[in-house]
Amino acid sequence: MDWRIFLTTFTAIFFAELADKTQLVGIGMSAKTGRPFVVLAGSIAAYALVTILSVLIGAALGKYLKPELIRYTGASLFILIGILMFLDKV
C-alpha cells in the first residue's frame, strides 16, 4: 500500500467533511431517533457507497481524460455552485 497516497486522501477527505452538512444530518437523526448505532450504520453504508462510486468514476475518467482537465472541471463546478448558492438559485 502506498501510505503517502492513503494519508493524503484521508487528510483531504477528513478535513473536507469536518462539520459538513452530512454530519449535521447524522446529529439530527441520532437526536430524533435515539438510535445512534443504527444511524451510524446507515451513515457508514452511505459513505461507503458514495466513495465506491466516486472512486470508480474517477478511475474510469482517468483512463480517458487528463487529470488537469478533471481538476479544472471540478473546480469550475464548485465555483459555479458557490455562485448559484450565493445568488440563492440552488
PDB file of N, CA and C in Angstrom:
ATOM      1  N   MET A   1       0.855  -1.178   0.000  1.00  0.00           N
ATOM      2  CA  MET A   1       0.000   0.000   0.000  1.00  0.00           C
ATOM      3  C   MET A   1       0.893   1.231   0.000  1.00  0.00           C
ATOM      4  N   ASP A   2       0.484   2.209  -0.768  1.00  0.00           N
ATOM      5  CA  ASP A   2       1.207   3.474  -0.799  1.00  0.00           C
ATOM      6  C   ASP A   2       0.649   4.361   0.320  1.00  0.00           C
ATOM      7  N   TRP A   3       1.341   4.396   1.440  1.00  0.00           N
ATOM      8  CA  TRP A   3       0.855   5.118   2.628  1.00  0.00           C
ATOM      9  C   TRP A   3       0.775   6.616   2.411  1.00  0.00           C
ATOM     10  N   ARG A   4       1.623   7.162   1.552  1.00  0.00           N
ATOM     11  CA  ARG A   4       1.582   8.609   1.291  1.00  0.00           C
ATOM     12  C   ARG A   4       0.261   8.980   0.625  1.00  0.00           C
ATOM     13  N   ILE A   5      -0.142   8.206  -0.381  1.00  0.00           N
ATOM     14  CA  ILE A   5      -1.424   8.466  -1.051  1.00  0.00           C
ATOM     15  C   ILE A   5      -2.578   8.238  -0.077  1.00  0.00           C
ATOM     16  N   PHE A   6      -2.500   7.169   0.704  1.00  0.00           N
ATOM     17  CA  PHE A   6      -3.552   6.876   1.685  1.00  0.00           C
ATOM     18  C   PHE A   6      -3.711   8.034   2.664  1.00  0.00           C
ATOM     19  N   LEU A   7      -2.603   8.487   3.255  1.00  0.00           N
ATOM     20  CA  LEU A   7      -2.679   9.556   4.252  1.00  0.00           C
ATOM     21  C   LEU A   7      -3.102  10.887   3.641  1.00  0.00           C
ATOM     22  N   THR A   8      -2.660  11.167   2.433  1.00  0.00           N
ATOM     23  CA  THR A   8      -3.077  12.400   1.750  1.00  0.00           C
ATOM     24  C   THR A   8      -4.575  12.373   1.488  1.00  0.00           C
ATOM     25  N   THR A   9      -5.079  11.244   0.997  1.00  0.00           N
ATOM     26  CA  THR A   9      -6.513  11.105   0.742  1.00  0.00           C
ATOM     27  C   THR A   9      -7.306  11.193   2.042  1.00  0.00           C
ATOM     28  N   PHE A  10      -6.852  10.476   3.071  1.00  0.00           N
ATOM     29  CA  PHE A  10      -7.531  10.510   4.361  1.00  0.00           C
ATOM     30  C   PHE A  10      -7.606  11.939   4.900  1.00  0.00           C
ATOM     31  N   THR A  11      -6.492  12.642   4.889  1.00  0.00           N
ATOM     32  CA  THR A  11      -6.443  14.005   5.423  1.00  0.00           C
ATOM     33  C   THR A  11      -7.346  14.944   4.641  1.00  0.00           C
ATOM     34  N   ALA A  12      -7.292  14.860   3.317  1.00  0.00           N
ATOM     35  CA  ALA A  12      -8.118  15.744   2.486  1.00  0.00           C
ATOM     36  C   ALA A  12      -9.600  15.503   2.737  1.00  0.00           C
ATOM     37  N   ILE A  13     -10.007  14.253   2.766  1.00  0.00           N
ATOM     38  CA  ILE A  13     -11.431  13.950   2.963  1.00  0.00           C
ATOM     39  C   ILE A  13     -11.859  14.235   4.391  1.00  0.00           C
ATOM     40  N   PHE A  14     -11.007  13.935   5.364  1.00  0.00           N
ATOM     41  CA  PHE A  14     -11.352  14.203   6.760  1.00  0.00           C
ATOM     42  C   PHE A  14     -11.640  15.689   6.966  1.00  0.00           C
ATOM     43  N   PHE A  15     -10.755  16.555   6.489  1.00  0.00           N
ATOM     44  CA  PHE A  15     -10.958  17.984   6.707  1.00  0.00           C
ATOM     45  C   PHE A  15     -12.057  18.558   5.812  1.00  0.00           C
ATOM     46  N   ALA A  16     -12.271  17.968   4.635  1.00  0.00           N
ATOM     47  CA  ALA A  16     -13.356  18.434   3.772  1.00  0.00           C
ATOM     48  C   ALA A  16     -14.715  18.101   4.377  1.00  0.00           C
ATOM     49  N   GLU A  17     -14.804  16.968   5.047  1.00  0.00           N
ATOM     50  CA  GLU A  17     -16.077  16.523   5.617  1.00  0.00           C
ATOM     51  C   GLU A  17     -16.319  17.028   7.034  1.00  0.00           C
ATOM     52  N   LEU A  18     -15.292  17.567   7.678  1.00  0.00           N
ATOM     53  CA  LEU A  18     -15.425  18.042   9.045  1.00  0.00           C
ATOM     54  C   LEU A  18     -16.469  19.155   9.103  1.00  0.00           C
ATOM     55  N   ALA A  19     -17.463  18.991   9.939  1.00  0.00           N
ATOM     56  CA  ALA A  19     -18.563  19.959  10.121  1.00  0.00           C
ATOM     57  C   ALA A  19     -19.346  20.162   8.830  1.00  0.00           C
ATOM     58  N   ASP A  20     -19.449  19.111   8.030  1.00  0.00           N
ATOM     59  CA  ASP A  20     -20.215  19.148   6.796  1.00  0.00           C
ATOM     60  C   ASP A  20     -21.694  18.971   7.125  1.00  0.00           C
ATOM     61  N   LYS A  21     -22.556  19.318   6.176  1.00  0.00           N
ATOM     62  CA  LYS A  21     -23.993  19.184   6.418  1.00  0.00           C
ATOM     63  C   LYS A  21     -24.403  17.741   6.644  1.00  0.00           C
ATOM     64  N   THR A  22     -23.629  16.789   6.096  1.00  0.00           N
ATOM     65  CA  THR A  22     -23.959  15.389   6.338  1.00  0.00           C
ATOM     66  C   THR A  22     -23.762  15.026   7.805  1.00  0.00           C
ATOM     67  N   GLN A  23     -22.811  15.642   8.468  1.00  0.00           N
ATOM     68  CA  GLN A  23     -22.641  15.407   9.902  1.00  0.00           C
ATOM     69  C   GLN A  23     -23.814  15.990  10.674  1.00  0.00           C
ATOM     70  N   LEU A  24     -24.306  17.121  10.221  1.00  0.00           N
ATOM     71  CA  LEU A  24     -25.471  17.711  10.882  1.00  0.00           C
ATOM     72  C   LEU A  24     -26.689  16.805  10.718  1.00  0.00           C
ATOM     73  N   VAL A  25     -26.811  16.149   9.559  1.00  0.00           N
ATOM     74  CA  VAL A  25     -27.902  15.193   9.362  1.00  0.00           C
ATOM     75  C   VAL A  25     -27.744  14.033  10.341  1.00  0.00           C
ATOM     76  N   GLY A  26     -26.527  13.526  10.505  1.00  0.00           N
ATOM     77  CA  GLY A  26     -26.286  12.439  11.455  1.00  0.00           C
ATOM     78  C   GLY A  26     -26.625  12.837  12.874  1.00  0.00           C
ATOM     79  N   ILE A  27     -26.244  14.042  13.256  1.00  0.00           N
ATOM     80  CA  ILE A  27     -26.562  14.544  14.595  1.00  0.00           C
ATOM     81  C   ILE A  27     -28.079  14.629  14.772  1.00  0.00           C
ATOM     82  N   GLY A  28     -28.741  15.194  13.759  1.00  0.00           N
ATOM     83  CA  GLY A  28     -30.194  15.343  13.832  1.00  0.00           C
ATOM     84  C   GLY A  28     -30.918  14.007  13.877  1.00  0.00           C
ATOM     85  N   MET A  29     -30.474  13.061  13.047  1.00  0.00           N
ATOM     86  CA  MET A  29     -31.111  11.741  13.027  1.00  0.00           C
ATOM     87  C   MET A  29     -30.897  11.001  14.347  1.00  0.00           C
ATOM     88  N   SER A  30     -29.699  11.108  14.901  1.00  0.00           N
ATOM     89  CA  SER A  30     -29.431  10.458  16.191  1.00  0.00           C
ATOM     90  C   SER A  30     -30.285  11.056  17.296  1.00  0.00           C
ATOM     91  N   ALA A  31     -30.392  12.369  17.293  1.00  0.00           N
ATOM     92  CA  ALA A  31     -31.199  13.037  18.317  1.00  0.00           C
ATOM     93  C   ALA A  31     -32.681  12.693  18.155  1.00  0.00           C
ATOM     94  N   LYS A  32     -33.139  12.667  16.910  1.00  0.00           N
ATOM     95  CA  LYS A  32     -34.562  12.421  16.649  1.00  0.00           C
ATOM     96  C   LYS A  32     -34.959  10.979  16.943  1.00  0.00           C
ATOM     97  N   THR A  33     -34.125  10.028  16.520  1.00  0.00           N
ATOM     98  CA  THR A  33     -34.499   8.617  16.650  1.00  0.00           C
ATOM     99  C   THR A  33     -34.068   8.008  17.974  1.00  0.00           C
ATOM    100  N   GLY A  34     -33.017   8.548  18.585  1.00  0.00           N
ATOM    101  CA  GLY A  34     -32.484   7.949  19.798  1.00  0.00           C
ATOM    102  C   GLY A  34     -31.792   6.618  19.533  1.00  0.00           C
ATOM    103  N   ARG A  35     -31.441   6.346  18.286  1.00  0.00           N
ATOM    104  CA  ARG A  35     -30.797   5.091  17.890  1.00  0.00           C
ATOM    105  C   ARG A  35     -29.469   5.402  17.201  1.00  0.00           C
ATOM    106  N   PRO A  36     -28.478   5.875  17.947  1.00  0.00           N
ATOM    107  CA  PRO A  36     -27.235   6.330  17.320  1.00  0.00           C
ATOM    108  C   PRO A  36     -26.479   5.248  16.546  1.00  0.00           C
ATOM    109  N   PHE A  37     -26.523   4.005  16.993  1.00  0.00           N
ATOM    110  CA  PHE A  37     -25.774   2.964  16.290  1.00  0.00           C
ATOM    111  C   PHE A  37     -26.413   2.605  14.953  1.00  0.00           C
ATOM    112  N   VAL A  38     -27.735   2.690  14.875  1.00  0.00           N
ATOM    113  CA  VAL A  38     -28.419   2.462  13.598  1.00  0.00           C
ATOM    114  C   VAL A  38     -28.100   3.603  12.642  1.00  0.00           C
ATOM    115  N   VAL A  39     -28.110   4.818  13.158  1.00  0.00           N
ATOM    116  CA  VAL A  39     -27.744   5.979  12.342  1.00  0.00           C
ATOM    117  C   VAL A  39     -26.295   5.857  11.889  1.00  0.00           C
ATOM    118  N   LEU A  40     -25.408   5.416  12.774  1.00  0.00           N
ATOM    119  CA  LEU A  40     -24.006   5.204  12.412  1.00  0.00           C
ATOM    120  C   LEU A  40     -23.879   4.186  11.285  1.00  0.00           C
ATOM    121  N   ALA A  41     -24.589   3.068  11.398  1.00  0.00           N
ATOM    122  CA  ALA A  41     -24.527   2.026  10.365  1.00  0.00           C
ATOM    123  C   ALA A  41     -25.038   2.555   9.026  1.00  0.00           C
ATOM    124  N   GLY A  42     -26.131   3.284   9.048  1.00  0.00           N
ATOM    125  CA  GLY A  42     -26.657   3.875   7.815  1.00  0.00           C
ATOM    126  C   GLY A  42     -25.700   4.886   7.210  1.00  0.00           C
ATOM    127  N   SER A  43     -25.078   5.685   8.067  1.00  0.00           N
ATOM    128  CA  SER A  43     -24.119   6.683   7.595  1.00  0.00           C
ATOM    129  C   SER A  43     -22.896   6.026   6.960  1.00  0.00           C
ATOM    130  N   ILE A  44     -22.377   4.999   7.623  1.00  0.00           N
ATOM    131  CA  ILE A  44     -21.207   4.296   7.094  1.00  0.00           C
ATOM    132  C   ILE A  44     -21.540   3.662   5.745  1.00  0.00           C
ATOM    133  N   ALA A  45     -22.715   3.028   5.641  1.00  0.00           N
ATOM    134  CA  ALA A  45     -23.112   2.402   4.377  1.00  0.00           C
ATOM    135  C   ALA A  45     -23.235   3.439   3.265  1.00  0.00           C
ATOM    136  N   ALA A  46     -23.831   4.582   3.578  1.00  0.00           N
ATOM    137  CA  ALA A  46     -23.994   5.634   2.571  1.00  0.00           C
ATOM    138  C   ALA A  46     -22.640   6.204   2.147  1.00  0.00           C
ATOM    139  N   TYR A  47     -21.767   6.483   3.111  1.00  0.00           N
ATOM    140  CA  TYR A  47     -20.434   6.998   2.782  1.00  0.00           C
ATOM    141  C   TYR A  47     -19.650   5.999   1.952  1.00  0.00           C
ATOM    142  N   ALA A  48     -19.771   4.713   2.294  1.00  0.00           N
ATOM    143  CA  ALA A  48     -19.052   3.680   1.547  1.00  0.00           C
ATOM    144  C   ALA A  48     -19.542   3.633   0.098  1.00  0.00           C
ATOM    145  N   LEU A  49     -20.844   3.663  -0.094  1.00  0.00           N
ATOM    146  CA  LEU A  49     -21.392   3.613  -1.445  1.00  0.00           C
ATOM    147  C   LEU A  49     -20.980   4.832  -2.265  1.00  0.00           C
ATOM    148  N   VAL A  50     -21.093   6.017  -1.684  1.00  0.00           N
ATOM    149  CA  VAL A  50     -20.695   7.237  -2.381  1.00  0.00           C
ATOM    150  C   VAL A  50     -19.205   7.197  -2.724  1.00  0.00           C
ATOM    151  N   THR A  51     -18.391   6.708  -1.801  1.00  0.00           N
ATOM    152  CA  THR A  51     -16.953   6.628  -2.044  1.00  0.00           C
ATOM    153  C   THR A  51     -16.637   5.624  -3.143  1.00  0.00           C
ATOM    154  N   ILE A  52     -17.282   4.471  -3.108  1.00  0.00           N
ATOM    155  CA  ILE A  52     -17.072   3.467  -4.153  1.00  0.00           C
ATOM    156  C   ILE A  52     -17.424   4.042  -5.520  1.00  0.00           C
ATOM    157  N   LEU A  53     -18.579   4.700  -5.609  1.00  0.00           N
ATOM    158  CA  LEU A  53     -18.982   5.295  -6.885  1.00  0.00           C
ATOM    159  C   LEU A  53     -18.007   6.362  -7.354  1.00  0.00           C
ATOM    160  N   SER A  54     -17.578   7.222  -6.444  1.00  0.00           N
ATOM    161  CA  SER A  54     -16.667   8.293  -6.851  1.00  0.00           C
ATOM    162  C   SER A  54     -15.310   7.745  -7.283  1.00  0.00           C
ATOM    163  N   VAL A  55     -14.813   6.713  -6.612  1.00  0.00           N
ATOM    164  CA  VAL A  55     -13.536   6.118  -6.993  1.00  0.00           C
ATOM    165  C   VAL A  55     -13.654   5.425  -8.349  1.00  0.00           C
ATOM    166  N   LEU A  56     -14.740   4.703  -8.582  1.00  0.00           N
ATOM    167  CA  LEU A  56     -14.929   4.038  -9.870  1.00  0.00           C
ATOM    168  C   LEU A  56     -15.073   5.042 -11.012  1.00  0.00           C
ATOM    169  N   ILE A  57     -15.833   6.095 -10.781  1.00  0.00           N
ATOM    170  CA  ILE A  57     -15.976   7.133 -11.800  1.00  0.00           C
ATOM    171  C   ILE A  57     -14.639   7.817 -12.049  1.00  0.00           C
ATOM    172  N   GLY A  58     -13.920   8.121 -10.981  1.00  0.00           N
ATOM    173  CA  GLY A  58     -12.604   8.748 -11.132  1.00  0.00           C
ATOM    174  C   GLY A  58     -11.623   7.868 -11.890  1.00  0.00           C
ATOM    175  N   ALA A  59     -11.635   6.567 -11.606  1.00  0.00           N
ATOM    176  CA  ALA A  59     -10.745   5.639 -12.313  1.00  0.00           C
ATOM    177  C   ALA A  59     -11.106   5.565 -13.793  1.00  0.00           C
ATOM    178  N   ALA A  60     -12.415   5.541 -14.089  1.00  0.00           N
ATOM    179  CA  ALA A  60     -12.841   5.490 -15.492  1.00  0.00           C
ATOM    180  C   ALA A  60     -12.482   6.779 -16.221  1.00  0.00           C
ATOM    181  N   LEU A  61     -12.744   7.910 -15.586  1.00  0.00           N
ATOM    182  CA  LEU A  61     -12.402   9.193 -16.214  1.00  0.00           C
ATOM    183  C   LEU A  61     -10.902   9.345 -16.390  1.00  0.00           C
ATOM    184  N   GLY A  62     -10.142   8.830 -15.442  1.00  0.00           N
ATOM    185  CA  GLY A  62      -8.688   8.931 -15.505  1.00  0.00           C
ATOM    186  C   GLY A  62      -8.086   8.195 -16.684  1.00  0.00           C
ATOM    187  N   LYS A  63      -8.796   7.206 -17.196  1.00  0.00           N
ATOM    188  CA  LYS A  63      -8.307   6.472 -18.365  1.00  0.00           C
ATOM    189  C   LYS A  63      -8.468   7.270 -19.650  1.00  0.00           C
ATOM    190  N   TYR A  64      -9.455   8.166 -19.695  1.00  0.00           N
ATOM    191  CA  TYR A  64      -9.788   8.864 -20.926  1.00  0.00           C
ATOM    192  C   TYR A  64      -9.485  10.360 -20.896  1.00  0.00           C
ATOM    193  N   LEU A  65      -9.385  10.939 -19.716  1.00  0.00           N
ATOM    194  CA  LEU A  65      -9.178  12.379 -19.595  1.00  0.00           C
ATOM    195  C   LEU A  65      -7.903  12.672 -18.813  1.00  0.00           C
ATOM    196  N   LYS A  66      -7.294  13.788 -19.113  1.00  0.00           N
ATOM    197  CA  LYS A  66      -6.107  14.210 -18.364  1.00  0.00           C
ATOM    198  C   LYS A  66      -6.538  14.650 -16.959  1.00  0.00           C
ATOM    199  N   PRO A  67      -5.715  14.346 -15.945  1.00  0.00           N
ATOM    200  CA  PRO A  67      -6.062  14.757 -14.575  1.00  0.00           C
ATOM    201  C   PRO A  67      -6.285  16.264 -14.434  1.00  0.00           C
ATOM    202  N   GLU A  68      -5.558  17.061 -15.203  1.00  0.00           N
ATOM    203  CA  GLU A  68      -5.729  18.516 -15.131  1.00  0.00           C
ATOM    204  C   GLU A  68      -7.133  18.919 -15.560  1.00  0.00           C
ATOM    205  N   LEU A  69      -7.653  18.269 -16.601  1.00  0.00           N
ATOM    206  CA  LEU A  69      -8.998  18.580 -17.076  1.00  0.00           C
ATOM    207  C   LEU A  69     -10.038  18.238 -16.006  1.00  0.00           C
ATOM    208  N   ILE A  70      -9.869  17.099 -15.359  1.00  0.00           N
ATOM    209  CA  ILE A  70     -10.794  16.695 -14.286  1.00  0.00           C
ATOM    210  C   ILE A  70     -10.721  17.699 -13.134  1.00  0.00           C
ATOM    211  N   ARG A  71      -9.500  18.089 -12.758  1.00  0.00           N
ATOM    212  CA  ARG A  71      -9.320  19.034 -11.648  1.00  0.00           C
ATOM    213  C   ARG A  71      -9.945  20.394 -11.972  1.00  0.00           C
ATOM    214  N   TYR A  72      -9.698  20.924 -13.189  1.00  0.00           N
ATOM    215  CA  TYR A  72     -10.241  22.229 -13.560  1.00  0.00           C
ATOM    216  C   TYR A  72     -11.761  22.188 -13.716  1.00  0.00           C
ATOM    217  N   THR A  73     -12.280  21.084 -14.235  1.00  0.00           N
ATOM    218  CA  THR A  73     -13.729  20.950 -14.353  1.00  0.00           C
ATOM    219  C   THR A  73     -14.370  20.909 -12.962  1.00  0.00           C
ATOM    220  N   GLY A  74     -13.779  20.138 -12.049  1.00  0.00           N
ATOM    221  CA  GLY A  74     -14.298  20.080 -10.684  1.00  0.00           C
ATOM    222  C   GLY A  74     -14.256  21.431  -9.997  1.00  0.00           C
ATOM    223  N   ALA A  75     -13.132  22.132 -10.155  1.00  0.00           N
ATOM    224  CA  ALA A  75     -13.001  23.461  -9.543  1.00  0.00           C
ATOM    225  C   ALA A  75     -14.029  24.417 -10.129  1.00  0.00           C
ATOM    226  N   SER A  76     -14.241  24.355 -11.435  1.00  0.00           N
ATOM    227  CA  SER A  76     -15.221  25.235 -12.083  1.00  0.00           C
ATOM    228  C   SER A  76     -16.626  24.951 -11.589  1.00  0.00           C
ATOM    229  N   LEU A  77     -16.954  23.674 -11.420  1.00  0.00           N
ATOM    230  CA  LEU A  77     -18.284  23.323 -10.912  1.00  0.00           C
ATOM    231  C   LEU A  77     -18.480  23.811  -9.478  1.00  0.00           C
ATOM    232  N   PHE A  78     -17.442  23.702  -8.648  1.00  0.00           N
ATOM    233  CA  PHE A  78     -17.542  24.220  -7.275  1.00  0.00           C
ATOM    234  C   PHE A  78     -17.772  25.729  -7.281  1.00  0.00           C
ATOM    235  N   ILE A  79     -17.058  26.426  -8.146  1.00  0.00           N
ATOM    236  CA  ILE A  79     -17.236  27.883  -8.231  1.00  0.00           C
ATOM    237  C   ILE A  79     -18.646  28.212  -8.701  1.00  0.00           C
ATOM    238  N   LEU A  80     -19.113  27.503  -9.734  1.00  0.00           N
ATOM    239  CA  LEU A  80     -20.455  27.744 -10.256  1.00  0.00           C
ATOM    240  C   LEU A  80     -21.516  27.477  -9.184  1.00  0.00           C
ATOM    241  N   ILE A  81     -21.405  26.379  -8.489  1.00  0.00           N
ATOM    242  CA  ILE A  81     -22.367  26.057  -7.431  1.00  0.00           C
ATOM    243  C   ILE A  81     -22.314  27.112  -6.325  1.00  0.00           C
ATOM    244  N   GLY A  82     -21.108  27.555  -5.962  1.00  0.00           N
ATOM    245  CA  GLY A  82     -20.967  28.609  -4.954  1.00  0.00           C
ATOM    246  C   GLY A  82     -21.653  29.898  -5.374  1.00  0.00           C
ATOM    247  N   ILE A  83     -21.481  30.278  -6.639  1.00  0.00           N
ATOM    248  CA  ILE A  83     -22.125  31.497  -7.143  1.00  0.00           C
ATOM    249  C   ILE A  83     -23.638  31.336  -7.120  1.00  0.00           C
ATOM    250  N   LEU A  84     -24.120  30.182  -7.573  1.00  0.00           N
ATOM    251  CA  LEU A  84     -25.574  29.947  -7.570  1.00  0.00           C
ATOM    252  C   LEU A  84     -26.136  29.943  -6.150  1.00  0.00           C
ATOM    253  N   MET A  85     -25.385  29.376  -5.210  1.00  0.00           N
ATOM    254  CA  MET A  85     -25.834  29.394  -3.815  1.00  0.00           C
ATOM    255  C   MET A  85     -25.847  30.826  -3.281  1.00  0.00           C
ATOM    256  N   PHE A  86     -24.823  31.591  -3.642  1.00  0.00           N
ATOM    257  CA  PHE A  86     -24.750  32.982  -3.196  1.00  0.00           C
ATOM    258  C   PHE A  86     -25.938  33.777  -3.744  1.00  0.00           C
ATOM    259  N   LEU A  87     -26.320  33.488  -4.975  1.00  0.00           N
ATOM    260  CA  LEU A  87     -27.446  34.187  -5.594  1.00  0.00           C
ATOM    261  C   LEU A  87     -28.789  33.563  -5.215  1.00  0.00           C
ATOM    262  N   ASP A  88     -28.744  32.536  -4.366  1.00  0.00           N
ATOM    263  CA  ASP A  88     -29.940  31.833  -3.885  1.00  0.00           C
ATOM    264  C   ASP A  88     -30.707  31.183  -5.026  1.00  0.00           C
ATOM    265  N   LYS A  89     -29.976  30.592  -5.968  1.00  0.00           N
ATOM    266  CA  LYS A  89     -30.577  29.908  -7.100  1.00  0.00           C
ATOM    267  C   LYS A  89     -30.542  28.393  -6.950  1.00  0.00           C
ATOM    268  N   VAL A  90     -29.902  27.896  -5.906  1.00  0.00           N
ATOM    269  CA  VAL A  90     -29.802  26.448  -5.705  1.00  0.00           C
ATOM    270  C   VAL A  90     -30.555  26.064  -4.445  1.00  0.00           C
TER     271      VAL A  90
END
